[in-house]
PDB file of N, CA and C in Angstrom:
ATOM      1  N   UNK A   1     -13.466  -0.416  13.544  1.00  0.00           N
ATOM      2  CA  UNK A   1     -12.951  -0.373  12.190  1.00  0.00           C
ATOM      3  C   UNK A   1     -13.888  -1.205  11.310  1.00  0.00           C
ATOM      4  N   UNK A   2     -14.389  -0.609  10.290  1.00  0.00           N
ATOM      5  CA  UNK A   2     -15.337  -1.261   9.380  1.00  0.00           C
ATOM      6  C   UNK A   2     -14.642  -1.525   8.045  1.00  0.00           C
ATOM      7  N   UNK A   3     -14.521  -2.804   7.689  1.00  0.00           N
ATOM      8  CA  UNK A   3     -13.886  -3.186   6.428  1.00  0.00           C
ATOM      9  C   UNK A   3     -14.867  -4.035   5.631  1.00  0.00           C
ATOM     10  N   UNK A   4     -15.366  -3.485   4.539  1.00  0.00           N
ATOM     11  CA  UNK A   4     -16.368  -4.180   3.734  1.00  0.00           C
ATOM     12  C   UNK A   4     -15.865  -5.532   3.224  1.00  0.00           C
ATOM     13  N   UNK A   5     -14.596  -5.590   2.782  1.00  0.00           N
ATOM     14  CA  UNK A   5     -14.065  -6.845   2.244  1.00  0.00           C
ATOM     15  C   UNK A   5     -13.988  -7.918   3.323  1.00  0.00           C
ATOM     16  N   UNK A   6     -13.704  -7.519   4.560  1.00  0.00           N
ATOM     17  CA  UNK A   6     -13.665  -8.485   5.654  1.00  0.00           C
ATOM     18  C   UNK A   6     -15.070  -8.990   5.969  1.00  0.00           C
ATOM     19  N   UNK A   7     -16.035  -8.080   5.997  1.00  0.00           N
ATOM     20  CA  UNK A   7     -17.431  -8.490   6.218  1.00  0.00           C
ATOM     21  C   UNK A   7     -17.906  -9.437   5.116  1.00  0.00           C
ATOM     22  N   UNK A   8     -17.510  -9.144   3.881  1.00  0.00           N
ATOM     23  CA  UNK A   8     -17.889  -9.998   2.749  1.00  0.00           C
ATOM     24  C   UNK A   8     -17.269 -11.387   2.887  1.00  0.00           C
ATOM     25  N   UNK A   9     -15.989 -11.443   3.271  1.00  0.00           N
ATOM     26  CA  UNK A   9     -15.336 -12.736   3.481  1.00  0.00           C
ATOM     27  C   UNK A   9     -16.041 -13.524   4.580  1.00  0.00           C
ATOM     28  N   UNK A  10     -16.297 -12.886   5.714  1.00  0.00           N
ATOM     29  CA  UNK A  10     -16.912 -13.591   6.839  1.00  0.00           C
ATOM     30  C   UNK A  10     -18.304 -14.108   6.477  1.00  0.00           C
ATOM     31  N   UNK A  11     -19.069 -13.345   5.709  1.00  0.00           N
ATOM     32  CA  UNK A  11     -20.392 -13.795   5.262  1.00  0.00           C
ATOM     33  C   UNK A  11     -20.276 -14.995   4.325  1.00  0.00           C
ATOM     34  N   UNK A  12     -19.336 -14.918   3.386  1.00  0.00           N
ATOM     35  CA  UNK A  12     -19.136 -16.031   2.443  1.00  0.00           C
ATOM     36  C   UNK A  12     -18.637 -17.268   3.182  1.00  0.00           C
ATOM     37  N   UNK A  13     -17.763 -17.079   4.153  1.00  0.00           N
ATOM     38  CA  UNK A  13     -17.255 -18.200   4.941  1.00  0.00           C
ATOM     39  C   UNK A  13     -18.386 -18.862   5.717  1.00  0.00           C
ATOM     40  N   UNK A  14     -19.228 -18.054   6.335  1.00  0.00           N
ATOM     41  CA  UNK A  14     -20.345 -18.594   7.112  1.00  0.00           C
ATOM     42  C   UNK A  14     -21.302 -19.381   6.222  1.00  0.00           C
ATOM     43  N   UNK A  15     -21.492 -18.930   4.979  1.00  0.00           N
ATOM     44  CA  UNK A  15     -22.399 -19.602   4.046  1.00  0.00           C
ATOM     45  C   UNK A  15     -21.771 -20.830   3.389  1.00  0.00           C
ATOM     46  N   UNK A  16     -20.458 -20.965   3.525  1.00  0.00           N
ATOM     47  CA  UNK A  16     -19.752 -22.061   2.873  1.00  0.00           C
ATOM     48  C   UNK A  16     -20.072 -23.403   3.517  1.00  0.00           C
ATOM     49  N   UNK A  17     -20.231 -24.400   2.693  1.00  0.00           N
ATOM     50  CA  UNK A  17     -20.426 -25.753   3.196  1.00  0.00           C
ATOM     51  C   UNK A  17     -19.125 -26.379   3.670  1.00  0.00           C
ATOM     52  N   UNK A  18     -18.002 -25.687   3.471  1.00  0.00           N
ATOM     53  CA  UNK A  18     -16.692 -26.216   3.843  1.00  0.00           C
ATOM     54  C   UNK A  18     -16.146 -25.581   5.115  1.00  0.00           C
ATOM     55  N   UNK A  19     -16.990 -24.893   5.861  1.00  0.00           N
ATOM     56  CA  UNK A  19     -16.492 -24.096   6.981  1.00  0.00           C
ATOM     57  C   UNK A  19     -16.063 -24.899   8.194  1.00  0.00           C
ATOM     58  N   UNK A  20     -16.404 -26.155   8.277  1.00  0.00           N
ATOM     59  CA  UNK A  20     -15.977 -26.969   9.399  1.00  0.00           C
ATOM     60  C   UNK A  20     -16.922 -26.888  10.579  1.00  0.00           C
ATOM     61  N   UNK A  21     -16.507 -27.467  11.686  1.00  0.00           N
ATOM     62  CA  UNK A  21     -17.377 -27.591  12.856  1.00  0.00           C
ATOM     63  C   UNK A  21     -17.280 -26.423  13.819  1.00  0.00           C
ATOM     64  N   UNK A  22     -16.254 -25.607  13.717  1.00  0.00           N
ATOM     65  CA  UNK A  22     -16.067 -24.512  14.672  1.00  0.00           C
ATOM     66  C   UNK A  22     -15.851 -23.164  13.956  1.00  0.00           C
ATOM     67  N   UNK A  23     -16.873 -22.659  13.260  1.00  0.00           N
ATOM     68  CA  UNK A  23     -16.693 -21.407  12.526  1.00  0.00           C
ATOM     69  C   UNK A  23     -16.363 -20.223  13.435  1.00  0.00           C
ATOM     70  N   UNK A  24     -16.815 -20.269  14.686  1.00  0.00           N
ATOM     71  CA  UNK A  24     -16.524 -19.169  15.606  1.00  0.00           C
ATOM     72  C   UNK A  24     -15.035 -18.999  15.850  1.00  0.00           C
ATOM     73  N   UNK A  25     -14.297 -20.101  15.814  1.00  0.00           N
ATOM     74  CA  UNK A  25     -12.851 -20.039  16.004  1.00  0.00           C
ATOM     75  C   UNK A  25     -12.189 -19.228  14.894  1.00  0.00           C
ATOM     76  N   UNK A  26     -12.622 -19.458  13.656  1.00  0.00           N
ATOM     77  CA  UNK A  26     -12.066 -18.706  12.525  1.00  0.00           C
ATOM     78  C   UNK A  26     -12.450 -17.237  12.641  1.00  0.00           C
ATOM     79  N   UNK A  27     -13.689 -16.946  13.024  1.00  0.00           N
ATOM     80  CA  UNK A  27     -14.116 -15.552  13.190  1.00  0.00           C
ATOM     81  C   UNK A  27     -13.216 -14.838  14.197  1.00  0.00           C
ATOM     82  N   UNK A  28     -12.989 -15.467  15.354  1.00  0.00           N
ATOM     83  CA  UNK A  28     -12.165 -14.846  16.395  1.00  0.00           C
ATOM     84  C   UNK A  28     -10.720 -14.678  15.936  1.00  0.00           C
ATOM     85  N   UNK A  29     -10.184 -15.689  15.278  1.00  0.00           N
ATOM     86  CA  UNK A  29      -8.800 -15.641  14.816  1.00  0.00           C
ATOM     87  C   UNK A  29      -8.610 -14.528  13.778  1.00  0.00           C
ATOM     88  N   UNK A  30      -9.497 -14.483  12.800  1.00  0.00           N
ATOM     89  CA  UNK A  30      -9.377 -13.482  11.735  1.00  0.00           C
ATOM     90  C   UNK A  30      -9.587 -12.077  12.294  1.00  0.00           C
ATOM     91  N   UNK A  31     -10.604 -11.894  13.108  1.00  0.00           N
ATOM     92  CA  UNK A  31     -10.859 -10.573  13.702  1.00  0.00           C
ATOM     93  C   UNK A  31      -9.696 -10.132  14.574  1.00  0.00           C
ATOM     94  N   UNK A  32      -9.179 -11.047  15.394  1.00  0.00           N
ATOM     95  CA  UNK A  32      -8.045 -10.727  16.260  1.00  0.00           C
ATOM     96  C   UNK A  32      -6.798 -10.363  15.482  1.00  0.00           C
ATOM     97  N   UNK A  33      -6.561 -11.072  14.381  1.00  0.00           N
ATOM     98  CA  UNK A  33      -5.397 -10.779  13.543  1.00  0.00           C
ATOM     99  C   UNK A  33      -5.455  -9.344  13.025  1.00  0.00           C
ATOM    100  N   UNK A  34      -6.601  -8.954  12.473  1.00  0.00           N
ATOM    101  CA  UNK A  34      -6.696  -7.610  11.907  1.00  0.00           C
ATOM    102  C   UNK A  34      -6.695  -6.532  12.982  1.00  0.00           C
ATOM    103  N   UNK A  35      -7.229  -6.818  14.152  1.00  0.00           N
ATOM    104  CA  UNK A  35      -7.136  -5.863  15.264  1.00  0.00           C
ATOM    105  C   UNK A  35      -5.673  -5.679  15.667  1.00  0.00           C
ATOM    106  N   UNK A  36      -4.948  -6.781  15.804  1.00  0.00           N
ATOM    107  CA  UNK A  36      -3.525  -6.705  16.165  1.00  0.00           C
ATOM    108  C   UNK A  36      -2.728  -5.952  15.112  1.00  0.00           C
ATOM    109  N   UNK A  37      -2.950  -6.272  13.850  1.00  0.00           N
ATOM    110  CA  UNK A  37      -2.202  -5.612  12.781  1.00  0.00           C
ATOM    111  C   UNK A  37      -2.560  -4.132  12.675  1.00  0.00           C
ATOM    112  N   UNK A  38      -3.789  -3.784  13.006  1.00  0.00           N
ATOM    113  CA  UNK A  38      -4.175  -2.374  13.031  1.00  0.00           C
ATOM    114  C   UNK A  38      -3.352  -1.625  14.082  1.00  0.00           C
ATOM    115  N   UNK A  39      -3.171  -2.242  15.237  1.00  0.00           N
ATOM    116  CA  UNK A  39      -2.349  -1.622  16.286  1.00  0.00           C
ATOM    117  C   UNK A  39      -0.891  -1.490  15.839  1.00  0.00           C
ATOM    118  N   UNK A  40      -0.387  -2.517  15.176  1.00  0.00           N
ATOM    119  CA  UNK A  40       0.992  -2.476  14.681  1.00  0.00           C
ATOM    120  C   UNK A  40       1.157  -1.339  13.669  1.00  0.00           C
ATOM    121  N   UNK A  41       0.254  -1.251  12.724  1.00  0.00           N
ATOM    122  CA  UNK A  41       0.351  -0.210  11.696  1.00  0.00           C
ATOM    123  C   UNK A  41       0.187   1.183  12.296  1.00  0.00           C
ATOM    124  N   UNK A  42      -0.705   1.321  13.255  1.00  0.00           N
ATOM    125  CA  UNK A  42      -0.871   2.609  13.945  1.00  0.00           C
ATOM    126  C   UNK A  42       0.433   3.003  14.621  1.00  0.00           C
ATOM    127  N   UNK A  43       1.022   2.059  15.371  1.00  0.00           N
ATOM    128  CA  UNK A  43       2.277   2.339  16.069  1.00  0.00           C
ATOM    129  C   UNK A  43       3.410   2.669  15.115  1.00  0.00           C
ATOM    130  N   UNK A  44       3.506   1.943  14.011  1.00  0.00           N
ATOM    131  CA  UNK A  44       4.535   2.226  13.008  1.00  0.00           C
ATOM    132  C   UNK A  44       4.401   3.644  12.474  1.00  0.00           C
ATOM    133  N   UNK A  45       3.170   4.008  12.139  1.00  0.00           N
ATOM    134  CA  UNK A  45       2.966   5.338  11.569  1.00  0.00           C
ATOM    135  C   UNK A  45       3.324   6.436  12.570  1.00  0.00           C
ATOM    136  N   UNK A  46       3.111   6.181  13.845  1.00  0.00           N
ATOM    137  CA  UNK A  46       3.419   7.166  14.883  1.00  0.00           C
ATOM    138  C   UNK A  46       4.923   7.427  15.014  1.00  0.00           C
ATOM    139  N   UNK A  47       5.748   6.413  14.779  1.00  0.00           N
ATOM    140  CA  UNK A  47       7.194   6.566  15.005  1.00  0.00           C
ATOM    141  C   UNK A  47       7.991   6.816  13.724  1.00  0.00           C
ATOM    142  N   UNK A  48       7.359   6.681  12.575  1.00  0.00           N
ATOM    143  CA  UNK A  48       8.084   6.880  11.316  1.00  0.00           C
ATOM    144  C   UNK A  48       8.109   8.346  10.917  1.00  0.00           C
ATOM    145  N   UNK A  49       9.199   8.731  10.286  1.00  0.00           N
ATOM    146  CA  UNK A  49       9.287  10.089   9.749  1.00  0.00           C
ATOM    147  C   UNK A  49       8.414  10.178   8.499  1.00  0.00           C
ATOM    148  N   UNK A  50       7.841  11.337   8.221  1.00  0.00           N
ATOM    149  CA  UNK A  50       7.066  11.496   6.989  1.00  0.00           C
ATOM    150  C   UNK A  50       7.913  11.157   5.761  1.00  0.00           C
ATOM    151  N   UNK A  51       7.334  10.399   4.854  1.00  0.00           N
ATOM    152  CA  UNK A  51       8.026   9.998   3.635  1.00  0.00           C
ATOM    153  C   UNK A  51       8.839   8.721   3.775  1.00  0.00           C
ATOM    154  N   UNK A  52       8.918   8.183   4.995  1.00  0.00           N
ATOM    155  CA  UNK A  52       9.639   6.924   5.203  1.00  0.00           C
ATOM    156  C   UNK A  52       8.873   5.772   4.574  1.00  0.00           C
ATOM    157  N   UNK A  53       9.619   4.724   4.234  1.00  0.00           N
ATOM    158  CA  UNK A  53       9.016   3.552   3.588  1.00  0.00           C
ATOM    159  C   UNK A  53       9.147   2.340   4.510  1.00  0.00           C
ATOM    160  N   UNK A  54       8.087   1.559   4.581  1.00  0.00           N
ATOM    161  CA  UNK A  54       8.105   0.287   5.293  1.00  0.00           C
ATOM    162  C   UNK A  54       7.535  -0.776   4.359  1.00  0.00           C
ATOM    163  N   UNK A  55       8.128  -1.957   4.410  1.00  0.00           N
ATOM    164  CA  UNK A  55       7.644  -3.082   3.601  1.00  0.00           C
ATOM    165  C   UNK A  55       7.218  -4.200   4.529  1.00  0.00           C
ATOM    166  N   UNK A  56       6.095  -4.828   4.210  1.00  0.00           N
ATOM    167  CA  UNK A  56       5.542  -5.907   5.022  1.00  0.00           C
ATOM    168  C   UNK A  56       5.236  -7.085   4.106  1.00  0.00           C
ATOM    169  N   UNK A  57       5.722  -8.257   4.473  1.00  0.00           N
ATOM    170  CA  UNK A  57       5.430  -9.481   3.724  1.00  0.00           C
ATOM    171  C   UNK A  57       4.153 -10.074   4.293  1.00  0.00           C
ATOM    172  N   UNK A  58       3.199 -10.351   3.421  1.00  0.00           N
ATOM    173  CA  UNK A  58       1.882 -10.833   3.842  1.00  0.00           C
ATOM    174  C   UNK A  58       1.468 -12.016   2.972  1.00  0.00           C
ATOM    175  N   UNK A  59       0.953 -13.044   3.603  1.00  0.00           N
ATOM    176  CA  UNK A  59       0.403 -14.185   2.879  1.00  0.00           C
ATOM    177  C   UNK A  59      -1.107 -14.220   3.032  1.00  0.00           C
ATOM    178  N   UNK A  60      -1.800 -14.473   1.949  1.00  0.00           N
ATOM    179  CA  UNK A  60      -3.251 -14.630   2.027  1.00  0.00           C
ATOM    180  C   UNK A  60      -3.554 -16.045   2.499  1.00  0.00           C
ATOM    181  N   UNK A  61      -4.776 -16.261   2.944  1.00  0.00           N
ATOM    182  CA  UNK A  61      -5.191 -17.564   3.454  1.00  0.00           C
ATOM    183  C   UNK A  61      -6.521 -17.958   2.825  1.00  0.00           C
ATOM    184  N   UNK A  62      -6.840 -19.236   2.927  1.00  0.00           N
ATOM    185  CA  UNK A  62      -8.125 -19.749   2.469  1.00  0.00           C
ATOM    186  C   UNK A  62      -8.769 -20.470   3.647  1.00  0.00           C
ATOM    187  N   UNK A  63      -9.994 -20.090   3.965  1.00  0.00           N
ATOM    188  CA  UNK A  63     -10.771 -20.724   5.028  1.00  0.00           C
ATOM    189  C   UNK A  63     -12.102 -21.163   4.448  1.00  0.00           C
ATOM    190  N   UNK A  64     -12.434 -22.425   4.615  1.00  0.00           N
ATOM    191  CA  UNK A  64     -13.721 -22.916   4.136  1.00  0.00           C
ATOM    192  C   UNK A  64     -13.939 -22.692   2.653  1.00  0.00           C
ATOM    193  N   UNK A  65     -12.867 -22.740   1.878  1.00  0.00           N
ATOM    194  CA  UNK A  65     -12.984 -22.533   0.438  1.00  0.00           C
ATOM    195  C   UNK A  65     -13.062 -21.073   0.020  1.00  0.00           C
ATOM    196  N   UNK A  66     -12.987 -20.152   0.988  1.00  0.00           N
ATOM    197  CA  UNK A  66     -13.071 -18.713   0.689  1.00  0.00           C
ATOM    198  C   UNK A  66     -11.710 -18.069   0.901  1.00  0.00           C
ATOM    199  N   UNK A  67     -11.247 -17.331  -0.097  1.00  0.00           N
ATOM    200  CA  UNK A  67      -9.965 -16.649   0.025  1.00  0.00           C
ATOM    201  C   UNK A  67     -10.125 -15.384   0.858  1.00  0.00           C
ATOM    202  N   UNK A  68      -9.260 -15.232   1.851  1.00  0.00           N
ATOM    203  CA  UNK A  68      -9.217 -14.026   2.673  1.00  0.00           C
ATOM    204  C   UNK A  68      -8.143 -13.113   2.079  1.00  0.00           C
ATOM    205  N   UNK A  69      -8.529 -11.959   1.504  1.00  0.00           N
ATOM    206  CA  UNK A  69      -7.550 -11.074   0.867  1.00  0.00           C
ATOM    207  C   UNK A  69      -6.773 -10.257   1.910  1.00  0.00           C
ATOM    208  N   UNK A  70      -5.972 -10.954   2.689  1.00  0.00           N
ATOM    209  CA  UNK A  70      -5.236 -10.347   3.798  1.00  0.00           C
ATOM    210  C   UNK A  70      -4.413  -9.145   3.339  1.00  0.00           C
ATOM    211  N   UNK A  71      -3.748  -9.273   2.206  1.00  0.00           N
ATOM    212  CA  UNK A  71      -2.894  -8.201   1.699  1.00  0.00           C
ATOM    213  C   UNK A  71      -3.688  -6.928   1.416  1.00  0.00           C
ATOM    214  N   UNK A  72      -4.816  -7.073   0.763  1.00  0.00           N
ATOM    215  CA  UNK A  72      -5.619  -5.900   0.407  1.00  0.00           C
ATOM    216  C   UNK A  72      -6.270  -5.274   1.641  1.00  0.00           C
ATOM    217  N   UNK A  73      -6.672  -6.125   2.584  1.00  0.00           N
ATOM    218  CA  UNK A  73      -7.250  -5.605   3.827  1.00  0.00           C
ATOM    219  C   UNK A  73      -6.206  -4.852   4.644  1.00  0.00           C
ATOM    220  N   UNK A  74      -4.983  -5.371   4.723  1.00  0.00           N
ATOM    221  CA  UNK A  74      -3.933  -4.664   5.452  1.00  0.00           C
ATOM    222  C   UNK A  74      -3.564  -3.348   4.762  1.00  0.00           C
ATOM    223  N   UNK A  75      -3.596  -3.330   3.438  1.00  0.00           N
ATOM    224  CA  UNK A  75      -3.348  -2.082   2.709  1.00  0.00           C
ATOM    225  C   UNK A  75      -4.418  -1.054   3.063  1.00  0.00           C
ATOM    226  N   UNK A  76      -5.666  -1.506   3.156  1.00  0.00           N
ATOM    227  CA  UNK A  76      -6.765  -0.592   3.515  1.00  0.00           C
ATOM    228  C   UNK A  76      -6.601  -0.076   4.949  1.00  0.00           C
ATOM    229  N   UNK A  77      -6.231  -0.973   5.862  1.00  0.00           N
ATOM    230  CA  UNK A  77      -6.018  -0.564   7.255  1.00  0.00           C
ATOM    231  C   UNK A  77      -4.854   0.423   7.338  1.00  0.00           C
ATOM    232  N   UNK A  78      -3.790   0.163   6.593  1.00  0.00           N
ATOM    233  CA  UNK A  78      -2.634   1.070   6.589  1.00  0.00           C
ATOM    234  C   UNK A  78      -3.055   2.470   6.139  1.00  0.00           C
ATOM    235  N   UNK A  79      -3.885   2.543   5.121  1.00  0.00           N
ATOM    236  CA  UNK A  79      -4.362   3.849   4.647  1.00  0.00           C
ATOM    237  C   UNK A  79      -5.209   4.549   5.700  1.00  0.00           C
ATOM    238  N   UNK A  80      -5.998   3.783   6.459  1.00  0.00           N
ATOM    239  CA  UNK A  80      -6.798   4.374   7.538  1.00  0.00           C
ATOM    240  C   UNK A  80      -5.910   5.005   8.610  1.00  0.00           C
ATOM    241  N   UNK A  81      -4.693   4.493   8.757  1.00  0.00           N
ATOM    242  CA  UNK A  81      -3.765   5.014   9.763  1.00  0.00           C
ATOM    243  C   UNK A  81      -2.795   6.043   9.188  1.00  0.00           C
ATOM    244  N   UNK A  82      -3.002   6.465   7.948  1.00  0.00           N
ATOM    245  CA  UNK A  82      -2.211   7.554   7.387  1.00  0.00           C
ATOM    246  C   UNK A  82      -1.134   7.159   6.402  1.00  0.00           C
ATOM    247  N   UNK A  83      -0.961   5.880   6.150  1.00  0.00           N
ATOM    248  CA  UNK A  83       0.021   5.450   5.152  1.00  0.00           C
ATOM    249  C   UNK A  83      -0.551   5.622   3.750  1.00  0.00           C
ATOM    250  N   UNK A  84       0.348   5.716   2.788  1.00  0.00           N
ATOM    251  CA  UNK A  84      -0.014   5.607   1.379  1.00  0.00           C
ATOM    252  C   UNK A  84       0.550   4.279   0.891  1.00  0.00           C
ATOM    253  N   UNK A  85      -0.224   3.570   0.095  1.00  0.00           N
ATOM    254  CA  UNK A  85       0.260   2.315  -0.467  1.00  0.00           C
ATOM    255  C   UNK A  85       1.018   2.659  -1.742  1.00  0.00           C
ATOM    256  N   UNK A  86       2.335   2.461  -1.703  1.00  0.00           N
ATOM    257  CA  UNK A  86       3.156   2.774  -2.864  1.00  0.00           C
ATOM    258  C   UNK A  86       3.041   1.663  -3.902  1.00  0.00           C
ATOM    259  N   UNK A  87       3.193   0.413  -3.438  1.00  0.00           N
ATOM    260  CA  UNK A  87       3.133  -0.724  -4.358  1.00  0.00           C
ATOM    261  C   UNK A  87       2.716  -1.979  -3.597  1.00  0.00           C
ATOM    262  N   UNK A  88       2.195  -2.924  -4.336  1.00  0.00           N
ATOM    263  CA  UNK A  88       1.952  -4.261  -3.818  1.00  0.00           C
ATOM    264  C   UNK A  88       2.621  -5.215  -4.806  1.00  0.00           C
ATOM    265  N   UNK A  89       3.665  -5.904  -4.345  1.00  0.00           N
ATOM    266  CA  UNK A  89       4.411  -6.823  -5.199  1.00  0.00           C
ATOM    267  C   UNK A  89       3.970  -8.245  -4.923  1.00  0.00           C
ATOM    268  N   UNK A  90       3.701  -8.966  -5.958  1.00  0.00           N
ATOM    269  CA  UNK A  90       3.409 -10.400  -5.819  1.00  0.00           C
ATOM    270  C   UNK A  90       4.745 -11.120  -5.702  1.00  0.00           C
ATOM    271  N   UNK A  91       4.986 -11.745  -4.554  1.00  0.00           N
ATOM    272  CA  UNK A  91       6.237 -12.466  -4.343  1.00  0.00           C
ATOM    273  C   UNK A  91       6.152 -13.881  -4.900  1.00  0.00           C
ATOM    274  N   UNK A  92       5.038 -14.560  -4.600  1.00  0.00           N
ATOM    275  CA  UNK A  92       4.884 -15.926  -5.105  1.00  0.00           C
ATOM    276  C   UNK A  92       3.460 -16.408  -4.897  1.00  0.00           C
ATOM    277  N   UNK A  93       3.096 -17.377  -5.693  1.00  0.00           N
ATOM    278  CA  UNK A  93       1.826 -18.075  -5.483  1.00  0.00           C
ATOM    279  C   UNK A  93       2.085 -19.131  -4.422  1.00  0.00           C
ATOM    280  N   UNK A  94       1.130 -19.319  -3.541  1.00  0.00           N
ATOM    281  CA  UNK A  94       1.290 -20.289  -2.458  1.00  0.00           C
ATOM    282  C   UNK A  94       0.410 -21.494  -2.709  1.00  0.00           C
ATOM    283  N   UNK A  95       0.868 -22.624  -2.233  1.00  0.00           N
ATOM    284  CA  UNK A  95       0.064 -23.832  -2.297  1.00  0.00           C
ATOM    285  C   UNK A  95      -1.006 -23.820  -1.205  1.00  0.00           C
ATOM    286  N   UNK A  96      -1.905 -24.742  -1.309  1.00  0.00           N
ATOM    287  CA  UNK A  96      -2.988 -24.871  -0.345  1.00  0.00           C
ATOM    288  C   UNK A  96      -2.493 -25.635   0.880  1.00  0.00           C
ATOM    289  N   UNK A  97      -3.034 -25.299   2.047  1.00  0.00           N
ATOM    290  CA  UNK A  97      -2.717 -26.044   3.268  1.00  0.00           C
ATOM    291  C   UNK A  97      -3.143 -27.498   3.081  1.00  0.00           C
ATOM    292  N   UNK A  98      -2.374 -28.405   3.641  1.00  0.00           N
ATOM    293  CA  UNK A  98      -2.626 -29.835   3.474  1.00  0.00           C
ATOM    294  C   UNK A  98      -4.061 -30.196   3.858  1.00  0.00           C
ATOM    295  N   UNK A  99      -4.568 -29.632   4.966  1.00  0.00           N
ATOM    296  CA  UNK A  99      -5.923 -29.959   5.438  1.00  0.00           C
ATOM    297  C   UNK A  99      -7.006 -29.576   4.423  1.00  0.00           C
ATOM    298  N   UNK A 100      -6.714 -28.611   3.551  1.00  0.00           N
ATOM    299  CA  UNK A 100      -7.737 -28.097   2.652  1.00  0.00           C
ATOM    300  C   UNK A 100      -7.617 -28.613   1.224  1.00  0.00           C
ATOM    301  N   UNK A 101      -6.548 -29.286   0.889  1.00  0.00           N
ATOM    302  CA  UNK A 101      -6.313 -29.674  -0.512  1.00  0.00           C
ATOM    303  C   UNK A 101      -7.433 -30.512  -1.102  1.00  0.00           C
ATOM    304  N   UNK A 102      -8.012 -31.374  -0.336  1.00  0.00           N
ATOM    305  CA  UNK A 102      -9.073 -32.241  -0.855  1.00  0.00           C
ATOM    306  C   UNK A 102     -10.446 -31.600  -0.775  1.00  0.00           C
ATOM    307  N   UNK A 103     -10.567 -30.478  -0.077  1.00  0.00           N
ATOM    308  CA  UNK A 103     -11.868 -29.845   0.135  1.00  0.00           C
ATOM    309  C   UNK A 103     -12.098 -28.616  -0.736  1.00  0.00           C
ATOM    310  N   UNK A 104     -11.039 -27.926  -1.070  1.00  0.00           N
ATOM    311  CA  UNK A 104     -11.154 -26.621  -1.723  1.00  0.00           C
ATOM    312  C   UNK A 104     -10.975 -26.763  -3.224  1.00  0.00           C
ATOM    313  N   UNK A 105     -11.825 -26.086  -4.009  1.00  0.00           N
ATOM    314  CA  UNK A 105     -11.664 -26.124  -5.470  1.00  0.00           C
ATOM    315  C   UNK A 105     -10.271 -25.623  -5.871  1.00  0.00           C
ATOM    316  N   UNK A 106      -9.711 -26.233  -6.898  1.00  0.00           N
ATOM    317  CA  UNK A 106      -8.358 -25.872  -7.340  1.00  0.00           C
ATOM    318  C   UNK A 106      -8.257 -24.415  -7.794  1.00  0.00           C
ATOM    319  N   UNK A 107      -9.367 -23.809  -8.167  1.00  0.00           N
ATOM    320  CA  UNK A 107      -9.357 -22.424  -8.629  1.00  0.00           C
ATOM    321  C   UNK A 107      -9.080 -21.445  -7.485  1.00  0.00           C
ATOM    322  N   UNK A 108      -9.293 -21.861  -6.246  1.00  0.00           N
ATOM    323  CA  UNK A 108      -9.044 -20.990  -5.099  1.00  0.00           C
ATOM    324  C   UNK A 108      -7.562 -21.078  -4.765  1.00  0.00           C
ATOM    325  N   UNK A 109      -6.875 -19.951  -4.849  1.00  0.00           N
ATOM    326  CA  UNK A 109      -5.435 -19.931  -4.601  1.00  0.00           C
ATOM    327  C   UNK A 109      -5.103 -18.915  -3.514  1.00  0.00           C
ATOM    328  N   UNK A 110      -3.883 -18.984  -3.055  1.00  0.00           N
ATOM    329  CA  UNK A 110      -3.404 -17.969  -2.124  1.00  0.00           C
ATOM    330  C   UNK A 110      -2.083 -17.434  -2.663  1.00  0.00           C
ATOM    331  N   UNK A 111      -1.621 -16.352  -2.061  1.00  0.00           N
ATOM    332  CA  UNK A 111      -0.421 -15.704  -2.573  1.00  0.00           C
ATOM    333  C   UNK A 111       0.354 -15.076  -1.417  1.00  0.00           C
ATOM    334  N   UNK A 112       1.604 -14.752  -1.701  1.00  0.00           N
ATOM    335  CA  UNK A 112       2.428 -14.008  -0.754  1.00  0.00           C
ATOM    336  C   UNK A 112       2.853 -12.729  -1.460  1.00  0.00           C
ATOM    337  N   UNK A 113       2.667 -11.610  -0.795  1.00  0.00           N
ATOM    338  CA  UNK A 113       2.970 -10.320  -1.417  1.00  0.00           C
ATOM    339  C   UNK A 113       3.823  -9.470  -0.470  1.00  0.00           C
ATOM    340  N   UNK A 114       4.381  -8.422  -1.022  1.00  0.00           N
ATOM    341  CA  UNK A 114       5.086  -7.407  -0.239  1.00  0.00           C
ATOM    342  C   UNK A 114       4.297  -6.122  -0.377  1.00  0.00           C
ATOM    343  N   UNK A 115       3.829  -5.602   0.755  1.00  0.00           N
ATOM    344  CA  UNK A 115       3.165  -4.291   0.780  1.00  0.00           C
ATOM    345  C   UNK A 115       4.241  -3.242   1.000  1.00  0.00           C
ATOM    346  N   UNK A 116       4.301  -2.257   0.145  1.00  0.00           N
ATOM    347  CA  UNK A 116       5.258  -1.161   0.285  1.00  0.00           C
ATOM    348  C   UNK A 116       4.449   0.082   0.640  1.00  0.00           C
ATOM    349  N   UNK A 117       4.672   0.574   1.866  1.00  0.00           N
ATOM    350  CA  UNK A 117       3.891   1.687   2.404  1.00  0.00           C
ATOM    351  C   UNK A 117       4.779   2.896   2.652  1.00  0.00           C
ATOM    352  N   UNK A 118       4.222   4.091   2.450  1.00  0.00           N
ATOM    353  CA  UNK A 118       4.918   5.347   2.722  1.00  0.00           C
ATOM    354  C   UNK A 118       4.176   6.058   3.839  1.00  0.00           C
ATOM    355  N   UNK A 119       4.957   6.520   4.841  1.00  0.00           N
ATOM    356  CA  UNK A 119       4.320   7.235   5.964  1.00  0.00           C
ATOM    357  C   UNK A 119       4.004   8.663   5.586  1.00  0.00           C
TER     358      UNK A 119
END
């Protein structure tokens, strides 16, 4: 599965001076998350009736000062598996993780959204 936005995030994270001492751990975690969610979305689409709606709550994350657009990437993966994205609702703005508050510029934010998908 090739996702340009994920490749862009990983490149920006690698170039970031805030990436920490173990960047490989973040690469494995992020890649594994999207692989797992791809399997979940594939399985959901297989068992849902055409026209059925599913909603998924998703929170974005910030790693090394770079925002990972988890919601938009999952919407793209859902479309690859046959879903249509009906809506993306912003549920709330999220605060920064305690470990990152002193390292990350205040302009970098995260959010929690609801993805509304149609099979």
